Amino acid sequence: MRRLNVRPAQIDECIQNSRFALSFRPKTPELRQGELLLLQLVKADAVRLGKVRERINFALVFDRIEPDPDGRLSRLYWPTEHRVWPWIVHCSMTIPTVPFSLEYLPLAANDKYQGQDNARYIDPHDEQWILPFIRWSLGETPAPYLDSIPTATMVQKFGQPHTLAAIYNHDRIARQRPISKRKTVVEEFVRNEWLAASLKVYYEHRCQICGKSFLPDYGVELADAHHIHYVAQGGPDVSSNILVVCPNHHRVIHATDAHFNRDNLAYEYPNGFQERLILPDHFVYEGQLGYNV
């Protein structure tokens, strides 16, 4: 595992192409395929943005490193930077994290991670404190078996605001990287079921429209995830396009082809009846962040 320092303007490029540039090739030890590279906001920017405790929101998964002796690749990949680097790091994917900062974790070698150099090696015995924040289940290729903290206990471990922030980090990646398709007899759109699972956990499996929970009466947690704009019709697989609903409301929405009014966060049915969301959290917070579907 390594720590990289990045500026806010660089993060979307890192997310979109899973790529980074280095002035020096790490040699003690060498970068290993599959190694995590933590994208940490430069401290001055974190202070300016009020993100001192949330400097890390994403990680790259290292694949290979490529020399750029004449700067051709640097100019190709970062034409507006007006500089070149001798090494280009290519990664296989971008993983969202629950927001955190290294300096607020009880790391034995914390002083070593505070400089501006890249890519700073993180001692293996410090990784145990970092791994719970890595949300493999919300990555481009979901791997929930790698999550140190299961999706079902995210809220208990991190709290609602940080759970929602991890979901938004997934959304930022999804907006930068188009939804993939599998070529089958019937075209199938790939969705991240763990995004829906995380939202269900956040709302404690309660319907956002009526608040119904099946747990008190039936002893089971039962809720559906409904894509407002169907993925098969071009809708994005992001939280602002998903509602957590009870099976009854899910069937009614489909049966009536109800319209979701984002202005007042309400479903409008053909007979004129309206139902406003009683649990609108992730729509409200995302609106405050300025995101759109």
C-alpha atoms as a PDB file:
ATOM      1  CA  MET A   1       0.000   0.000   0.000  1.00  0.00           C
ATOM      2  CA  ARG A   2       1.210   3.531  -0.845  1.00  0.00           C
ATOM      3  CA  ARG A   3       0.118   7.101  -0.196  1.00  0.00           C
ATOM      4  CA  LEU A   4      -0.122   9.550  -3.119  1.00  0.00           C
ATOM      5  CA  ASN A   5      -0.634  13.309  -2.718  1.00  0.00           C
ATOM      6  CA  VAL A   6      -3.020  14.832  -5.263  1.00  0.00           C
ATOM      7  CA  ARG A   7      -4.608  18.209  -5.906  1.00  0.00           C
ATOM      8  CA  PRO A   8      -8.408  18.475  -6.207  1.00  0.00           C
ATOM      9  CA  ALA A   9      -8.142  19.214  -9.942  1.00  0.00           C
ATOM     10  CA  GLN A  10      -6.236  15.950 -10.485  1.00  0.00           C
ATOM     11  CA  ILE A  11      -8.716  13.626  -8.840  1.00  0.00           C
ATOM     12  CA  ASP A  12     -11.237  13.356 -11.677  1.00  0.00           C
ATOM     13  CA  GLU A  13      -8.416  12.496 -14.090  1.00  0.00           C
ATOM     14  CA  CYS A  14      -7.198   9.803 -11.683  1.00  0.00           C
ATOM     15  CA  ILE A  15     -10.715   8.417 -11.347  1.00  0.00           C
ATOM     16  CA  GLN A  16     -11.559   8.507 -15.037  1.00  0.00           C
ATOM     17  CA  ASN A  17      -8.404   6.843 -16.310  1.00  0.00           C
ATOM     18  CA  SER A  18      -7.016   5.144 -13.169  1.00  0.00           C
ATOM     19  CA  ARG A  19      -3.697   6.769 -13.951  1.00  0.00           C
ATOM     20  CA  PHE A  20      -1.025   8.714 -12.065  1.00  0.00           C
ATOM     21  CA  ALA A  21       2.396  10.220 -12.768  1.00  0.00           C
ATOM     22  CA  LEU A  22       5.534   9.899 -10.640  1.00  0.00           C
ATOM     23  CA  SER A  23       8.837  11.722 -10.560  1.00  0.00           C
ATOM     24  CA  PHE A  24      10.626   8.677  -9.155  1.00  0.00           C
ATOM     25  CA  ARG A  25      10.029   4.954  -9.535  1.00  0.00           C
ATOM     26  CA  PRO A  26       9.536   3.320  -6.115  1.00  0.00           C
ATOM     27  CA  LYS A  27      12.202   0.688  -5.482  1.00  0.00           C
ATOM     28  CA  THR A  28      12.168  -0.148  -1.768  1.00  0.00           C
ATOM     29  CA  PRO A  29      10.063  -2.131  -2.338  1.00  0.00           C
ATOM     30  CA  GLU A  30       8.933  -2.139  -5.980  1.00  0.00           C
ATOM     31  CA  LEU A  31       5.281  -1.525  -6.768  1.00  0.00           C
ATOM     32  CA  ARG A  32       3.317  -4.779  -6.873  1.00  0.00           C
ATOM     33  CA  GLN A  33       0.360  -5.587  -9.114  1.00  0.00           C
ATOM     34  CA  GLY A  34      -2.849  -5.231  -7.102  1.00  0.00           C
ATOM     35  CA  GLU A  35      -1.263  -2.846  -4.578  1.00  0.00           C
ATOM     36  CA  LEU A  36      -3.498  -0.066  -3.265  1.00  0.00           C
ATOM     37  CA  LEU A  37      -2.491   3.543  -3.934  1.00  0.00           C
ATOM     38  CA  LEU A  38      -4.361   5.953  -1.639  1.00  0.00           C
ATOM     39  CA  LEU A  39      -5.291   9.282  -3.253  1.00  0.00           C
ATOM     40  CA  GLN A  40      -4.747  11.853  -0.515  1.00  0.00           C
ATOM     41  CA  LEU A  41      -5.604  15.533  -0.904  1.00  0.00           C
ATOM     42  CA  VAL A  42      -2.628  17.833  -0.493  1.00  0.00           C
ATOM     43  CA  LYS A  43      -2.875  19.189   3.055  1.00  0.00           C
ATOM     44  CA  ALA A  44      -3.150  22.862   2.080  1.00  0.00           C
ATOM     45  CA  ASP A  45      -6.111  22.029  -0.182  1.00  0.00           C
ATOM     46  CA  ALA A  46      -7.688  19.852   2.511  1.00  0.00           C
ATOM     47  CA  VAL A  47      -7.503  22.777   4.959  1.00  0.00           C
ATOM     48  CA  ARG A  48      -8.953  25.180   2.395  1.00  0.00           C
ATOM     49  CA  LEU A  49     -11.831  22.816   1.583  1.00  0.00           C
ATOM     50  CA  GLY A  50     -12.545  21.825   5.198  1.00  0.00           C
ATOM     51  CA  LYS A  51     -11.496  18.231   4.476  1.00  0.00           C
ATOM     52  CA  VAL A  52      -8.698  17.821   7.006  1.00  0.00           C
ATOM     53  CA  ARG A  53     -10.321  14.675   8.429  1.00  0.00           C
ATOM     54  CA  GLU A  54     -11.454  13.458   4.997  1.00  0.00           C
ATOM     55  CA  ARG A  55      -8.350  13.717   2.842  1.00  0.00           C
ATOM     56  CA  ILE A  56      -8.679  10.221   1.340  1.00  0.00           C
ATOM     57  CA  ASN A  57     -11.823   9.270  -0.606  1.00  0.00           C
ATOM     58  CA  PHE A  58     -10.422   7.045  -3.359  1.00  0.00           C
ATOM     59  CA  ALA A  59      -7.725   4.452  -3.991  1.00  0.00           C
ATOM     60  CA  LEU A  60      -6.212   3.118  -7.208  1.00  0.00           C
ATOM     61  CA  VAL A  61      -5.320  -0.543  -7.765  1.00  0.00           C
ATOM     62  CA  PHE A  62      -1.841  -0.693  -9.298  1.00  0.00           C
ATOM     63  CA  ASP A  63      -1.347  -2.630 -12.533  1.00  0.00           C
ATOM     64  CA  ARG A  64       1.912  -1.514 -14.188  1.00  0.00           C
ATOM     65  CA  ILE A  65       4.396   1.351 -14.449  1.00  0.00           C
ATOM     66  CA  GLU A  66       5.624   2.748 -17.772  1.00  0.00           C
ATOM     67  CA  PRO A  67       8.672   4.948 -18.457  1.00  0.00           C
ATOM     68  CA  ASP A  68       8.148   8.261 -20.243  1.00  0.00           C
ATOM     69  CA  PRO A  69      11.712   9.365 -21.085  1.00  0.00           C
ATOM     70  CA  ASP A  70      10.774  11.998 -23.681  1.00  0.00           C
ATOM     71  CA  GLY A  71       7.589  13.287 -21.994  1.00  0.00           C
ATOM     72  CA  ARG A  72       5.357  12.199 -24.873  1.00  0.00           C
ATOM     73  CA  LEU A  73       2.934  10.284 -22.660  1.00  0.00           C
ATOM     74  CA  SER A  74       2.807  13.028 -20.044  1.00  0.00           C
ATOM     75  CA  ARG A  75       1.825  15.582 -22.686  1.00  0.00           C
ATOM     76  CA  LEU A  76      -0.731  13.176 -24.141  1.00  0.00           C
ATOM     77  CA  TYR A  77      -2.392  12.297 -20.835  1.00  0.00           C
ATOM     78  CA  TRP A  78      -2.109  15.716 -19.124  1.00  0.00           C
ATOM     79  CA  PRO A  79      -2.014  18.338 -21.896  1.00  0.00           C
ATOM     80  CA  THR A  80      -3.017  21.207 -19.603  1.00  0.00           C
ATOM     81  CA  GLU A  81      -0.360  20.546 -16.937  1.00  0.00           C
ATOM     82  CA  HIS A  82       2.516  21.881 -19.093  1.00  0.00           C
ATOM     83  CA  ARG A  83       5.009  19.537 -17.455  1.00  0.00           C
ATOM     84  CA  VAL A  84       6.260  15.981 -17.834  1.00  0.00           C
ATOM     85  CA  TRP A  85       7.057  13.050 -15.540  1.00  0.00           C
ATOM     86  CA  PRO A  86       9.500  10.188 -16.119  1.00  0.00           C
ATOM     87  CA  TRP A  87       7.082   7.493 -14.907  1.00  0.00           C
ATOM     88  CA  ILE A  88       3.405   6.835 -15.677  1.00  0.00           C
ATOM     89  CA  VAL A  89       1.463   4.567 -13.321  1.00  0.00           C
ATOM     90  CA  HIS A  90      -1.410   2.616 -14.887  1.00  0.00           C
ATOM     91  CA  CYS A  91      -4.005   1.086 -12.577  1.00  0.00           C
ATOM     92  CA  SER A  92      -6.719  -1.504 -13.132  1.00  0.00           C
ATOM     93  CA  MET A  93      -9.525   0.296 -11.284  1.00  0.00           C
ATOM     94  CA  THR A  94     -10.543   2.990  -8.833  1.00  0.00           C
ATOM     95  CA  ILE A  95     -12.013   2.037  -5.449  1.00  0.00           C
ATOM     96  CA  PRO A  96     -14.096   4.410  -3.268  1.00  0.00           C
ATOM     97  CA  THR A  97     -13.349   4.710   0.413  1.00  0.00           C
ATOM     98  CA  VAL A  98     -15.179   5.878   3.471  1.00  0.00           C
ATOM     99  CA  PRO A  99     -13.554   9.327   3.923  1.00  0.00           C
ATOM    100  CA  PHE A 100     -10.593   9.299   6.313  1.00  0.00           C
ATOM    101  CA  SER A 101      -7.198  10.875   6.985  1.00  0.00           C
ATOM    102  CA  LEU A 102      -4.039   9.024   7.885  1.00  0.00           C
ATOM    103  CA  GLU A 103      -3.036  11.506  10.572  1.00  0.00           C
ATOM    104  CA  TYR A 104      -6.183  10.727  12.575  1.00  0.00           C
ATOM    105  CA  LEU A 105      -5.538   6.974  12.663  1.00  0.00           C
ATOM    106  CA  PRO A 106      -3.340   5.350  15.356  1.00  0.00           C
ATOM    107  CA  LEU A 107      -0.576   4.481  12.888  1.00  0.00           C
ATOM    108  CA  ALA A 108       2.815   3.542  14.293  1.00  0.00           C
ATOM    109  CA  ALA A 109       4.683   5.287  11.474  1.00  0.00           C
ATOM    110  CA  ASN A 110       2.378   8.271  11.013  1.00  0.00           C
ATOM    111  CA  ASP A 111       5.180  10.846  10.841  1.00  0.00           C
ATOM    112  CA  LYS A 112       6.540   9.114   7.736  1.00  0.00           C
ATOM    113  CA  TYR A 113       3.319   9.714   5.778  1.00  0.00           C
ATOM    114  CA  GLN A 114       3.040  13.477   6.229  1.00  0.00           C
ATOM    115  CA  GLY A 115       5.468  14.660   3.539  1.00  0.00           C
ATOM    116  CA  GLN A 116       4.710  15.695  -0.032  1.00  0.00           C
ATOM    117  CA  ASP A 117       6.643  12.901  -1.733  1.00  0.00           C
ATOM    118  CA  ASN A 118       5.034  10.208  -3.898  1.00  0.00           C
ATOM    119  CA  ALA A 119       4.561   7.254  -3.587  1.00  0.00           C
ATOM    120  CA  ARG A 120       5.142   6.895   0.149  1.00  0.00           C
ATOM    121  CA  TYR A 121       5.210   3.254   1.256  1.00  0.00           C
ATOM    122  CA  ILE A 122       2.872   2.380   4.147  1.00  0.00           C
ATOM    123  CA  ASP A 123       4.210  -0.112   6.655  1.00  0.00           C
ATOM    124  CA  PRO A 124       2.247  -3.394   6.578  1.00  0.00           C
ATOM    125  CA  HIS A 125       1.442  -3.246  10.316  1.00  0.00           C
ATOM    126  CA  ASP A 126      -0.324   0.111   9.711  1.00  0.00           C
ATOM    127  CA  GLU A 127      -2.523  -1.313   6.955  1.00  0.00           C
ATOM    128  CA  GLN A 128      -4.861  -2.963   9.505  1.00  0.00           C
ATOM    129  CA  TRP A 129      -6.133   0.515  10.472  1.00  0.00           C
ATOM    130  CA  ILE A 130      -6.639   1.585   6.856  1.00  0.00           C
ATOM    131  CA  LEU A 131      -8.239  -1.458   5.206  1.00  0.00           C
ATOM    132  CA  PRO A 132     -11.683  -1.103   6.886  1.00  0.00           C
ATOM    133  CA  PHE A 133     -12.173   2.191   5.018  1.00  0.00           C
ATOM    134  CA  ILE A 134     -11.617   0.614   1.581  1.00  0.00           C
ATOM    135  CA  ARG A 135     -15.028  -0.224   0.052  1.00  0.00           C
ATOM    136  CA  TRP A 136     -14.250  -2.968  -2.464  1.00  0.00           C
ATOM    137  CA  SER A 137     -17.961  -3.753  -2.743  1.00  0.00           C
ATOM    138  CA  LEU A 138     -18.560  -0.285  -4.228  1.00  0.00           C
ATOM    139  CA  GLY A 139     -15.726  -0.573  -6.755  1.00  0.00           C
ATOM    140  CA  GLU A 140     -16.034  -0.963 -10.510  1.00  0.00           C
ATOM    141  CA  THR A 141     -15.614  -4.726 -10.121  1.00  0.00           C
ATOM    142  CA  PRO A 142     -17.355  -5.344  -6.782  1.00  0.00           C
ATOM    143  CA  ALA A 143     -15.433  -7.624  -4.427  1.00  0.00           C
ATOM    144  CA  PRO A 144     -17.380  -7.578  -1.143  1.00  0.00           C
ATOM    145  CA  TYR A 145     -15.336 -10.503   0.200  1.00  0.00           C
ATOM    146  CA  LEU A 146     -12.393  -8.079   0.448  1.00  0.00           C
ATOM    147  CA  ASP A 147     -14.267  -5.587   2.640  1.00  0.00           C
ATOM    148  CA  SER A 148     -12.982  -5.670   6.223  1.00  0.00           C
ATOM    149  CA  ILE A 149     -16.303  -4.204   7.362  1.00  0.00           C
ATOM    150  CA  PRO A 150     -19.351  -5.916   5.791  1.00  0.00           C
ATOM    151  CA  THR A 151     -21.919  -3.750   4.026  1.00  0.00           C
ATOM    152  CA  ALA A 152     -24.545  -4.774   6.582  1.00  0.00           C
ATOM    153  CA  THR A 153     -22.589  -3.118   9.407  1.00  0.00           C
ATOM    154  CA  MET A 154     -21.325   0.003   7.621  1.00  0.00           C
ATOM    155  CA  VAL A 155     -23.627   2.381   9.475  1.00  0.00           C
ATOM    156  CA  GLN A 156     -22.764   0.900  12.884  1.00  0.00           C
ATOM    157  CA  LYS A 157     -19.029   1.214  12.145  1.00  0.00           C
ATOM    158  CA  PHE A 158     -18.826   4.543  10.339  1.00  0.00           C
ATOM    159  CA  GLY A 159     -22.137   6.310  11.076  1.00  0.00           C
ATOM    160  CA  GLN A 160     -24.728   7.542   8.593  1.00  0.00           C
ATOM    161  CA  PRO A 161     -22.874  10.623   7.228  1.00  0.00           C
ATOM    162  CA  HIS A 162     -19.712   8.684   6.386  1.00  0.00           C
ATOM    163  CA  THR A 163     -21.685   5.763   4.947  1.00  0.00           C
ATOM    164  CA  LEU A 164     -23.479   8.202   2.663  1.00  0.00           C
ATOM    165  CA  ALA A 165     -20.166   9.825   1.749  1.00  0.00           C
ATOM    166  CA  ALA A 166     -18.800   6.431   0.640  1.00  0.00           C
ATOM    167  CA  ILE A 167     -21.883   5.968  -1.547  1.00  0.00           C
ATOM    168  CA  TYR A 168     -21.307   9.404  -3.088  1.00  0.00           C
ATOM    169  CA  ASN A 169     -17.694   8.455  -3.774  1.00  0.00           C
ATOM    170  CA  HIS A 170     -18.999   5.443  -5.704  1.00  0.00           C
ATOM    171  CA  ASP A 171     -21.255   7.801  -7.653  1.00  0.00           C
ATOM    172  CA  ARG A 172     -18.365  10.091  -8.563  1.00  0.00           C
ATOM    173  CA  ILE A 173     -16.479   7.152 -10.036  1.00  0.00           C
ATOM    174  CA  ALA A 174     -19.580   5.926 -11.890  1.00  0.00           C
ATOM    175  CA  ARG A 175     -20.109   9.363 -13.440  1.00  0.00           C
ATOM    176  CA  GLN A 176     -16.534   9.398 -14.706  1.00  0.00           C
ATOM    177  CA  ARG A 177     -16.621   5.865 -16.074  1.00  0.00           C
ATOM    178  CA  PRO A 178     -19.615   4.744 -18.208  1.00  0.00           C
ATOM    179  CA  ILE A 179     -21.700   1.715 -17.228  1.00  0.00           C
ATOM    180  CA  SER A 180     -20.369  -1.378 -18.957  1.00  0.00           C
ATOM    181  CA  LYS A 181     -22.454  -3.906 -20.856  1.00  0.00           C
ATOM    182  CA  ARG A 182     -22.252  -7.650 -21.329  1.00  0.00           C
ATOM    183  CA  LYS A 183     -22.892  -8.889 -24.830  1.00  0.00           C
ATOM    184  CA  THR A 184     -25.445 -11.661 -24.530  1.00  0.00           C
ATOM    185  CA  VAL A 185     -28.482 -12.715 -26.563  1.00  0.00           C
ATOM    186  CA  VAL A 186     -30.298  -9.957 -24.679  1.00  0.00           C
ATOM    187  CA  GLU A 187     -28.064  -7.003 -23.867  1.00  0.00           C
ATOM    188  CA  GLU A 188     -27.438  -6.910 -20.125  1.00  0.00           C
ATOM    189  CA  PHE A 189     -26.419  -3.790 -18.249  1.00  0.00           C
ATOM    190  CA  VAL A 190     -23.984  -4.317 -15.379  1.00  0.00           C
ATOM    191  CA  ARG A 191     -25.114  -2.834 -12.058  1.00  0.00           C
ATOM    192  CA  ASN A 192     -23.419  -2.726  -8.713  1.00  0.00           C
ATOM    193  CA  GLU A 193     -25.775  -4.571  -6.385  1.00  0.00           C
ATOM    194  CA  TRP A 194     -23.667  -3.452  -3.402  1.00  0.00           C
ATOM    195  CA  LEU A 195     -24.542   0.189  -4.064  1.00  0.00           C
ATOM    196  CA  ALA A 196     -28.210  -0.729  -3.589  1.00  0.00           C
ATOM    197  CA  ALA A 197     -27.314  -2.851  -0.557  1.00  0.00           C
ATOM    198  CA  SER A 198     -25.470   0.083   1.020  1.00  0.00           C
ATOM    199  CA  LEU A 199     -28.486   2.345   0.557  1.00  0.00           C
ATOM    200  CA  LYS A 200     -30.772  -0.291   2.094  1.00  0.00           C
ATOM    201  CA  VAL A 201     -28.468  -0.508   5.104  1.00  0.00           C
ATOM    202  CA  TYR A 202     -28.400   3.291   5.390  1.00  0.00           C
ATOM    203  CA  TYR A 203     -32.228   3.406   5.542  1.00  0.00           C
ATOM    204  CA  GLU A 204     -32.421   0.318   7.758  1.00  0.00           C
ATOM    205  CA  HIS A 205     -34.441  -1.424   5.012  1.00  0.00           C
ATOM    206  CA  ARG A 206     -37.287   1.082   5.407  1.00  0.00           C
ATOM    207  CA  CYS A 207     -39.287   2.322   2.419  1.00  0.00           C
ATOM    208  CA  GLN A 208     -38.383   5.903   1.553  1.00  0.00           C
ATOM    209  CA  ILE A 209     -41.981   6.570   0.509  1.00  0.00           C
ATOM    210  CA  CYS A 210     -44.000   5.110   3.388  1.00  0.00           C
ATOM    211  CA  GLY A 211     -41.352   4.276   5.985  1.00  0.00           C
ATOM    212  CA  LYS A 212     -42.476   0.651   6.176  1.00  0.00           C
ATOM    213  CA  SER A 213     -40.078  -1.831   7.769  1.00  0.00           C
ATOM    214  CA  PHE A 214     -40.897  -5.543   7.640  1.00  0.00           C
ATOM    215  CA  LEU A 215     -38.568  -6.385  10.514  1.00  0.00           C
ATOM    216  CA  PRO A 216     -40.892  -5.635  13.499  1.00  0.00           C
ATOM    217  CA  ASP A 217     -43.813  -7.708  12.180  1.00  0.00           C
ATOM    218  CA  TYR A 218     -42.118 -10.460  10.202  1.00  0.00           C
ATOM    219  CA  GLY A 219     -38.599 -10.667  11.599  1.00  0.00           C
ATOM    220  CA  VAL A 220     -36.938 -10.149   8.204  1.00  0.00           C
ATOM    221  CA  GLU A 221     -35.356  -7.147   6.527  1.00  0.00           C
ATOM    222  CA  LEU A 222     -37.051  -6.749   3.156  1.00  0.00           C
ATOM    223  CA  ALA A 223     -36.690  -3.820   0.761  1.00  0.00           C
ATOM    224  CA  ASP A 224     -36.214  -3.282  -2.979  1.00  0.00           C
ATOM    225  CA  ALA A 225     -33.986  -0.889  -4.891  1.00  0.00           C
ATOM    226  CA  HIS A 226     -35.784   0.918  -7.694  1.00  0.00           C
ATOM    227  CA  HIS A 227     -33.939   2.744 -10.488  1.00  0.00           C
ATOM    228  CA  ILE A 228     -35.953   5.870 -11.263  1.00  0.00           C
ATOM    229  CA  HIS A 229     -34.525   6.130 -14.773  1.00  0.00           C
ATOM    230  CA  TYR A 230     -34.049   2.521 -15.842  1.00  0.00           C
ATOM    231  CA  VAL A 231     -30.424   1.547 -16.466  1.00  0.00           C
ATOM    232  CA  ALA A 232     -31.481  -0.292 -19.642  1.00  0.00           C
ATOM    233  CA  GLN A 233     -32.831   3.032 -20.926  1.00  0.00           C
ATOM    234  CA  GLY A 234     -29.658   4.955 -20.195  1.00  0.00           C
ATOM    235  CA  GLY A 235     -30.138   5.747 -16.504  1.00  0.00           C
ATOM    236  CA  PRO A 236     -26.964   5.889 -14.395  1.00  0.00           C
ATOM    237  CA  ASP A 237     -26.235   3.398 -11.628  1.00  0.00           C
ATOM    238  CA  VAL A 238     -25.714   6.105  -8.993  1.00  0.00           C
ATOM    239  CA  SER A 239     -27.471   6.795  -5.703  1.00  0.00           C
ATOM    240  CA  SER A 240     -29.454   9.792  -6.993  1.00  0.00           C
ATOM    241  CA  ASN A 241     -31.134   7.428  -9.458  1.00  0.00           C
ATOM    242  CA  ILE A 242     -32.072   4.821  -6.831  1.00  0.00           C
ATOM    243  CA  LEU A 243     -34.902   4.649  -4.299  1.00  0.00           C
ATOM    244  CA  VAL A 244     -35.202   2.157  -1.454  1.00  0.00           C
ATOM    245  CA  VAL A 245     -38.841   1.038  -1.472  1.00  0.00           C
ATOM    246  CA  CYS A 246     -41.044  -1.661  -0.018  1.00  0.00           C
ATOM    247  CA  PRO A 247     -42.252  -4.375  -2.448  1.00  0.00           C
ATOM    248  CA  ASN A 248     -45.745  -2.857  -2.462  1.00  0.00           C
ATOM    249  CA  HIS A 249     -44.598   0.560  -3.615  1.00  0.00           C
ATOM    250  CA  HIS A 250     -42.171  -1.016  -6.074  1.00  0.00           C
ATOM    251  CA  ARG A 251     -45.010  -2.851  -7.828  1.00  0.00           C
ATOM    252  CA  VAL A 252     -47.307   0.182  -7.760  1.00  0.00           C
ATOM    253  CA  ILE A 253     -44.648   2.424  -9.326  1.00  0.00           C
ATOM    254  CA  HIS A 254     -44.143  -0.037 -12.182  1.00  0.00           C
ATOM    255  CA  ALA A 255     -47.848  -0.821 -12.621  1.00  0.00           C
ATOM    256  CA  THR A 256     -48.829   2.857 -12.875  1.00  0.00           C
ATOM    257  CA  ASP A 257     -45.645   4.112 -14.567  1.00  0.00           C
ATOM    258  CA  ALA A 258     -45.550   6.796 -11.880  1.00  0.00           C
ATOM    259  CA  HIS A 259     -43.440   9.926 -12.403  1.00  0.00           C
ATOM    260  CA  PHE A 260     -40.806  10.985  -9.870  1.00  0.00           C
ATOM    261  CA  ASN A 261     -40.795  14.754  -9.384  1.00  0.00           C
ATOM    262  CA  ARG A 262     -37.328  15.763  -8.213  1.00  0.00           C
ATOM    263  CA  ASP A 263     -38.374  19.310  -7.389  1.00  0.00           C
ATOM    264  CA  ASN A 264     -40.561  18.206  -4.478  1.00  0.00           C
ATOM    265  CA  LEU A 265     -39.194  14.621  -4.124  1.00  0.00           C
ATOM    266  CA  ALA A 266     -42.592  13.058  -4.718  1.00  0.00           C
ATOM    267  CA  TYR A 267     -44.084  10.322  -6.850  1.00  0.00           C
ATOM    268  CA  GLU A 268     -46.974  11.506  -9.030  1.00  0.00           C
ATOM    269  CA  TYR A 269     -49.484   8.890 -10.144  1.00  0.00           C
ATOM    270  CA  PRO A 270     -51.717   9.066 -13.251  1.00  0.00           C
ATOM    271  CA  ASN A 271     -54.868   9.528 -11.127  1.00  0.00           C
ATOM    272  CA  GLY A 272     -53.448  12.723  -9.610  1.00  0.00           C
ATOM    273  CA  PHE A 273     -52.353  11.215  -6.283  1.00  0.00           C
ATOM    274  CA  GLN A 274     -48.948  12.305  -4.957  1.00  0.00           C
ATOM    275  CA  GLU A 275     -46.642  10.801  -2.315  1.00  0.00           C
ATOM    276  CA  ARG A 276     -43.652  12.733  -1.048  1.00  0.00           C
ATOM    277  CA  LEU A 277     -40.650  10.869   0.278  1.00  0.00           C
ATOM    278  CA  ILE A 278     -40.596  10.752   4.057  1.00  0.00           C
ATOM    279  CA  LEU A 279     -36.973   9.544   4.015  1.00  0.00           C
ATOM    280  CA  PRO A 280     -35.250  11.754   1.407  1.00  0.00           C
ATOM    281  CA  ASP A 281     -31.743  11.917   2.933  1.00  0.00           C
ATOM    282  CA  HIS A 282     -29.489  10.954   0.035  1.00  0.00           C
ATOM    283  CA  PHE A 283     -31.386  13.155  -2.429  1.00  0.00           C
ATOM    284  CA  VAL A 284     -31.234  16.161  -0.116  1.00  0.00           C
ATOM    285  CA  TYR A 285     -27.547  15.780   0.715  1.00  0.00           C
ATOM    286  CA  GLU A 286     -26.560  15.116  -2.863  1.00  0.00           C
ATOM    287  CA  GLY A 287     -28.486  18.201  -3.968  1.00  0.00           C
ATOM    288  CA  GLN A 288     -26.477  20.244  -1.475  1.00  0.00           C
ATOM    289  CA  LEU A 289     -23.288  18.887  -3.051  1.00  0.00           C
ATOM    290  CA  GLY A 290     -24.483  20.074  -6.453  1.00  0.00           C
ATOM    291  CA  TYR A 291     -24.665  16.663  -8.112  1.00  0.00           C
ATOM    292  CA  ASN A 292     -27.204  15.841 -10.798  1.00  0.00           C
ATOM    293  CA  VAL A 293     -28.419  12.530 -12.171  1.00  0.00           C
END
